[in-house]
Amino acid sequence: MAADTRAPSTPRRTGYGLVYLVLAAVTALELWITTLGLAGSVRTPIFLALSFLKASLVAAFYMHLRSDSRTYLFVFILPVAMVVVFGLVMLIR
């Protein structure tokens, strides 16, 4: 067998600092929204969307799911889709 002569791979830069700044900005946005005095029926969907954005960023970058198999993406998105469908069904009734 021949020895492996390939150069060792260098780690990719994933931009943890940028993701941290985006998470901090979204959190600041959430805090600012609480000071606006919006009705709960308006605030709740906004907070849910922002929370989903933050959870997605954490899962993709800090849990390294961005570079994993797409099967894991399906495993995480399926329950979210089911909750959305269930919520819509409850609103219709």
N, C-alpha and C. Protein backbone atom coordinates (compact mmCIF):
# COMPACT_ATOMS: atom_id res chain seq x y z
N MET A 1 0.82 -1.18 0.00
CA MET A 1 0.00 0.00 0.00
C MET A 1 0.87 1.25 0.00
N ALA A 2 0.44 2.24 -0.73
CA ALA A 2 1.19 3.49 -0.80
C ALA A 2 0.78 4.38 0.37
N ALA A 3 1.73 5.15 0.83
CA ALA A 3 1.45 6.07 1.94
C ALA A 3 0.60 7.23 1.43
N ASP A 4 -0.22 7.75 2.30
CA ASP A 4 -1.08 8.88 1.95
C ASP A 4 -0.22 10.13 1.88
N THR A 5 -0.14 10.74 0.71
CA THR A 5 0.73 11.91 0.52
C THR A 5 -0.06 13.21 0.44
N ARG A 6 -1.35 13.14 0.68
CA ARG A 6 -2.15 14.37 0.62
C ARG A 6 -1.81 15.28 1.79
N ALA A 7 -1.93 16.57 1.55
CA ALA A 7 -1.70 17.55 2.61
C ALA A 7 -2.86 17.49 3.60
N PRO A 8 -2.56 17.69 4.87
CA PRO A 8 -3.66 17.68 5.85
C PRO A 8 -4.63 18.82 5.57
N SER A 9 -5.90 18.52 5.76
CA SER A 9 -6.90 19.55 5.49
C SER A 9 -6.89 20.60 6.58
N THR A 10 -7.12 21.81 6.18
CA THR A 10 -7.19 22.91 7.14
C THR A 10 -8.64 23.11 7.53
N PRO A 11 -8.89 23.45 8.78
CA PRO A 11 -10.28 23.64 9.20
C PRO A 11 -10.90 24.85 8.50
N ARG A 12 -12.17 24.71 8.19
CA ARG A 12 -12.89 25.82 7.53
C ARG A 12 -13.26 26.87 8.57
N ARG A 13 -13.25 28.09 8.14
CA ARG A 13 -13.77 29.17 8.99
C ARG A 13 -15.28 29.16 8.88
N THR A 14 -15.95 29.07 9.99
CA THR A 14 -17.41 28.97 9.95
C THR A 14 -18.10 30.26 10.35
N GLY A 15 -17.38 31.24 10.80
CA GLY A 15 -18.00 32.51 11.11
C GLY A 15 -18.76 32.52 12.42
N TYR A 16 -18.20 31.90 13.45
CA TYR A 16 -18.89 31.88 14.75
C TYR A 16 -19.12 33.30 15.28
N GLY A 17 -18.17 34.17 15.06
CA GLY A 17 -18.32 35.55 15.53
C GLY A 17 -19.48 36.25 14.87
N LEU A 18 -19.62 36.06 13.56
CA LEU A 18 -20.74 36.67 12.83
C LEU A 18 -22.07 36.11 13.31
N VAL A 19 -22.13 34.81 13.52
CA VAL A 19 -23.36 34.19 14.01
C VAL A 19 -23.70 34.73 15.40
N TYR A 20 -22.67 34.89 16.23
CA TYR A 20 -22.89 35.45 17.57
C TYR A 20 -23.47 36.86 17.47
N LEU A 21 -22.94 37.67 16.57
CA LEU A 21 -23.45 39.04 16.41
C LEU A 21 -24.88 39.05 15.90
N VAL A 22 -25.20 38.15 15.00
CA VAL A 22 -26.59 38.06 14.50
C VAL A 22 -27.53 37.63 15.62
N LEU A 23 -27.11 36.66 16.43
CA LEU A 23 -27.94 36.23 17.56
C LEU A 23 -28.13 37.37 18.56
N ALA A 24 -27.08 38.13 18.82
CA ALA A 24 -27.19 39.27 19.73
C ALA A 24 -28.12 40.34 19.15
N ALA A 25 -28.02 40.58 17.85
CA ALA A 25 -28.88 41.58 17.21
C ALA A 25 -30.35 41.16 17.25
N VAL A 26 -30.62 39.89 17.02
CA VAL A 26 -32.00 39.40 17.06
C VAL A 26 -32.54 39.49 18.49
N THR A 27 -31.71 39.20 19.47
CA THR A 27 -32.13 39.33 20.86
C THR A 27 -32.43 40.79 21.20
N ALA A 28 -31.58 41.69 20.74
CA ALA A 28 -31.83 43.13 20.96
C ALA A 28 -33.13 43.56 20.28
N LEU A 29 -33.39 43.02 19.10
CA LEU A 29 -34.64 43.31 18.40
C LEU A 29 -35.85 42.81 19.21
N GLU A 30 -35.72 41.63 19.78
CA GLU A 30 -36.80 41.10 20.61
C GLU A 30 -37.05 42.00 21.83
N LEU A 31 -35.99 42.45 22.44
CA LEU A 31 -36.14 43.34 23.59
C LEU A 31 -36.78 44.66 23.19
N TRP A 32 -36.40 45.18 22.02
CA TRP A 32 -36.99 46.43 21.54
C TRP A 32 -38.47 46.26 21.25
N ILE A 33 -38.85 45.10 20.69
CA ILE A 33 -40.26 44.86 20.37
C ILE A 33 -41.11 44.86 21.63
N THR A 34 -40.55 44.39 22.75
CA THR A 34 -41.33 44.38 23.99
C THR A 34 -41.65 45.79 24.47
N THR A 35 -40.84 46.76 24.10
CA THR A 35 -41.08 48.14 24.54
C THR A 35 -42.09 48.87 23.67
N LEU A 36 -42.49 48.28 22.55
CA LEU A 36 -43.39 48.96 21.63
C LEU A 36 -44.85 48.97 22.10
N GLY A 37 -45.20 48.07 22.99
CA GLY A 37 -46.57 48.01 23.47
C GLY A 37 -47.54 47.41 22.47
N LEU A 38 -47.05 46.51 21.64
CA LEU A 38 -47.92 45.84 20.68
C LEU A 38 -48.83 44.85 21.38
N ALA A 39 -49.94 44.56 20.74
CA ALA A 39 -50.87 43.57 21.28
C ALA A 39 -50.22 42.19 21.25
N GLY A 40 -50.63 41.34 22.16
CA GLY A 40 -50.07 40.00 22.25
C GLY A 40 -50.27 39.19 20.98
N SER A 41 -51.40 39.42 20.29
CA SER A 41 -51.67 38.68 19.06
C SER A 41 -50.73 39.09 17.93
N VAL A 42 -50.11 40.25 18.06
CA VAL A 42 -49.13 40.70 17.07
C VAL A 42 -47.72 40.27 17.48
N ARG A 43 -47.43 40.42 18.77
CA ARG A 43 -46.09 40.08 19.27
C ARG A 43 -45.77 38.60 19.18
N THR A 44 -46.72 37.76 19.49
CA THR A 44 -46.46 36.32 19.57
C THR A 44 -45.92 35.73 18.27
N PRO A 45 -46.56 35.98 17.11
CA PRO A 45 -45.98 35.42 15.87
C PRO A 45 -44.60 35.99 15.55
N ILE A 46 -44.37 37.24 15.89
CA ILE A 46 -43.06 37.85 15.65
C ILE A 46 -42.01 37.16 16.51
N PHE A 47 -42.32 36.97 17.78
CA PHE A 47 -41.37 36.30 18.68
C PHE A 47 -41.14 34.85 18.28
N LEU A 48 -42.17 34.17 17.83
CA LEU A 48 -42.01 32.78 17.38
C LEU A 48 -41.09 32.70 16.17
N ALA A 49 -41.26 33.61 15.22
CA ALA A 49 -40.42 33.61 14.02
C ALA A 49 -38.96 33.94 14.39
N LEU A 50 -38.76 34.92 15.26
CA LEU A 50 -37.40 35.27 15.67
C LEU A 50 -36.75 34.14 16.48
N SER A 51 -37.53 33.49 17.31
CA SER A 51 -37.00 32.35 18.07
C SER A 51 -36.63 31.19 17.16
N PHE A 52 -37.44 30.95 16.15
CA PHE A 52 -37.12 29.90 15.18
C PHE A 52 -35.83 30.24 14.43
N LEU A 53 -35.66 31.50 14.08
CA LEU A 53 -34.44 31.94 13.42
C LEU A 53 -33.22 31.70 14.30
N LYS A 54 -33.32 32.08 15.57
CA LYS A 54 -32.20 31.89 16.48
C LYS A 54 -31.90 30.41 16.71
N ALA A 55 -32.93 29.60 16.87
CA ALA A 55 -32.72 28.16 17.07
C ALA A 55 -32.09 27.53 15.83
N SER A 56 -32.49 27.97 14.67
CA SER A 56 -31.90 27.45 13.43
C SER A 56 -30.43 27.80 13.32
N LEU A 57 -30.08 29.03 13.67
CA LEU A 57 -28.67 29.44 13.62
C LEU A 57 -27.83 28.64 14.61
N VAL A 58 -28.34 28.46 15.81
CA VAL A 58 -27.60 27.70 16.81
C VAL A 58 -27.41 26.25 16.35
N ALA A 59 -28.47 25.65 15.84
CA ALA A 59 -28.37 24.26 15.39
C ALA A 59 -27.43 24.12 14.19
N ALA A 60 -27.50 25.06 13.28
CA ALA A 60 -26.68 24.96 12.06
C ALA A 60 -25.20 25.18 12.34
N PHE A 61 -24.87 26.18 13.14
CA PHE A 61 -23.47 26.54 13.31
C PHE A 61 -22.84 25.94 14.55
N TYR A 62 -23.47 26.11 15.71
CA TYR A 62 -22.84 25.67 16.95
C TYR A 62 -23.00 24.17 17.18
N MET A 63 -24.05 23.56 16.63
CA MET A 63 -24.22 22.12 16.75
C MET A 63 -23.69 21.40 15.50
N HIS A 64 -23.13 22.15 14.58
CA HIS A 64 -22.48 21.64 13.37
C HIS A 64 -23.42 20.82 12.49
N LEU A 65 -24.70 21.14 12.49
CA LEU A 65 -25.64 20.41 11.65
C LEU A 65 -25.59 20.87 10.20
N ARG A 66 -24.97 22.01 9.97
CA ARG A 66 -24.86 22.54 8.62
C ARG A 66 -24.05 21.61 7.73
N SER A 67 -23.07 20.96 8.30
CA SER A 67 -22.20 20.09 7.51
C SER A 67 -22.57 18.60 7.65
N ASP A 68 -23.61 18.29 8.40
CA ASP A 68 -24.02 16.90 8.57
C ASP A 68 -24.95 16.47 7.44
N SER A 69 -25.41 15.25 7.53
CA SER A 69 -26.31 14.69 6.55
C SER A 69 -27.63 15.48 6.51
N ARG A 70 -28.23 15.52 5.35
CA ARG A 70 -29.51 16.22 5.19
C ARG A 70 -30.64 15.49 5.92
N THR A 71 -30.40 14.26 6.32
CA THR A 71 -31.41 13.53 7.08
C THR A 71 -31.69 14.23 8.40
N TYR A 72 -30.66 14.78 9.02
CA TYR A 72 -30.85 15.50 10.28
C TYR A 72 -31.69 16.75 10.07
N LEU A 73 -31.54 17.40 8.93
CA LEU A 73 -32.36 18.56 8.62
C LEU A 73 -33.83 18.17 8.58
N PHE A 74 -34.12 17.05 7.96
CA PHE A 74 -35.49 16.55 7.90
C PHE A 74 -36.01 16.22 9.28
N VAL A 75 -35.17 15.62 10.11
CA VAL A 75 -35.57 15.24 11.47
C VAL A 75 -35.95 16.47 12.29
N PHE A 76 -35.27 17.58 12.07
CA PHE A 76 -35.57 18.79 12.82
C PHE A 76 -36.71 19.60 12.22
N ILE A 77 -36.87 19.55 10.91
CA ILE A 77 -37.92 20.36 10.27
C ILE A 77 -39.29 19.69 10.36
N LEU A 78 -39.33 18.38 10.32
CA LEU A 78 -40.61 17.68 10.37
C LEU A 78 -41.44 18.05 11.61
N PRO A 79 -40.89 18.03 12.84
CA PRO A 79 -41.71 18.42 13.99
C PRO A 79 -42.18 19.88 13.92
N VAL A 80 -41.36 20.75 13.39
CA VAL A 80 -41.76 22.16 13.26
C VAL A 80 -42.93 22.27 12.29
N ALA A 81 -42.85 21.57 11.18
CA ALA A 81 -43.94 21.59 10.21
C ALA A 81 -45.22 21.02 10.82
N MET A 82 -45.08 19.97 11.61
CA MET A 82 -46.26 19.38 12.25
C MET A 82 -46.90 20.34 13.25
N VAL A 83 -46.10 21.08 13.98
CA VAL A 83 -46.64 22.06 14.93
C VAL A 83 -47.37 23.17 14.18
N VAL A 84 -46.80 23.62 13.07
CA VAL A 84 -47.44 24.67 12.29
C VAL A 84 -48.78 24.19 11.74
N VAL A 85 -48.80 23.00 11.20
CA VAL A 85 -50.05 22.44 10.66
C VAL A 85 -51.06 22.28 11.78
N PHE A 86 -50.64 21.76 12.93
CA PHE A 86 -51.56 21.60 14.06
C PHE A 86 -52.10 22.96 14.50
N GLY A 87 -51.25 23.96 14.58
CA GLY A 87 -51.70 25.29 14.96
C GLY A 87 -52.71 25.86 13.98
N LEU A 88 -52.46 25.66 12.70
CA LEU A 88 -53.42 26.15 11.69
C LEU A 88 -54.75 25.43 11.80
N VAL A 89 -54.72 24.13 12.03
CA VAL A 89 -55.96 23.37 12.20
C VAL A 89 -56.72 23.88 13.42
N MET A 90 -56.02 24.19 14.49
CA MET A 90 -56.69 24.69 15.69
C MET A 90 -57.29 26.07 15.46
N LEU A 91 -56.64 26.88 14.63
CA LEU A 91 -57.19 28.20 14.34
C LEU A 91 -58.43 28.14 13.46
N ILE A 92 -58.50 27.14 12.60
CA ILE A 92 -59.63 27.01 11.69
C ILE A 92 -60.88 26.56 12.46
N ARG A 93 -60.70 25.71 13.44
CA ARG A 93 -61.85 25.19 14.18
C ARG A 93 -62.37 26.17 15.14
